[in-house]
Amino acid sequence: MSQSIQIRMGGYGPPTTTFSRALKIIGDDLEDEFGGELEVKYIWNILDLGYRSEDTLWMAEHGVLTLAYQSTSYLTDRVPELGFTDLPFLFRDNEHARSAMDGALGDYLKKCIEDRANYRVLGFFENGFRHISNSLRAVRSPADLAGMRTRVLPSSIQARAFELLGAKPMPIDLVDAINGIVAGTIDAQENPLANTVAYGVPQYHRFHTMTGHFYVSRGIFANRDAFEALPERVQVAFRAAVDKAILVQRDLAVREEEIAKQAIIDAGGEIIELTPDERAAFVDAVQPLHEEAHGLFAEELFEHFAAA
């Protein structure tokens, strides 16, 4: 080749996050295999350049980035089917969720995305189970969330879930969420513990309740035009590198959760573990949403989910 292939990958976290480390695995594998034929560049954290986390989506779709990741909840306005995986308490555990997202359910969702946006969806990183943190009080029941201004991802399903829990959901971008937490205009947020720590939330939130209410995946979005312009052998290697990176990232995410839990405790935070009965109260509170879901989503989604 007369000129090296340029591959640009980016996200919205420092190089130490599990997602950034996974991107580096992809890039290293490609450069090791193809040497001078291609060159990989990284933009680890677009927030450092004044962008918002949601901007990774248009950057990948329009080719500013060759590859980016983003929580699937950010695409629910364009791909409503993705709201299915935003249903609360949908997955039993990580293995159940991974089986679904790597199987028929994930394949169905990939097709829905690719039918409506200029992406090739190469797989799903694990954002993981999300827990509630807040600055006001210990949360052990839905009643404790009453009136609490709570940031959620921009998903109508997630907003509805927190309405049923009695909170005041605020579906906003990460940048606005962090600013609101610092200013005190947001009382609570929900995230995996590793994200909570990475975003500096424990400085402002003392209480961290292990609800595990949502499991969220981060899609791996390649610009379709750029990806399909690659030689076929590069495309094959690209997909193989992504598959490898997914496995590593998921393993790292499990370990990061425990590290983050200790970091919260070290910062003076309180980890609140729910009893089975306490957790059941949260599950019961959002049950109407699962009933409503049958009127919102195609039966195919439920069938693919059951196959997991």
Foldseek 3Di string as FASTA:
>chain_A
DVAAAEAEEEAAADCPALVNVLVVLLQVLLCVVPPRNHDYHYDYRCVVVVDFRLVVVVCQQVVVHQKYKAWCQSCCVQQVQSCVQQAWPLAPADVLVQCLCVDDLVVVSQVSVVVRTQWRWLGWAWQFFKWKWFQPDADLALVVQAAAEEEDAQHPNNCLLNVLSRYHYDHDTPVVVLVCLVVVVHGMYMGQLLVCVRSPNLVRTQYIEPLSTGTIIMIIIGRNVSLVPDPPVSNVSSSVSSVVSRVSSNVVSVVSSVVSVVVSVVSNHDYHYHDPVSSVNSVVSSVVSVVCVPVVDDVVSVVSSVVD
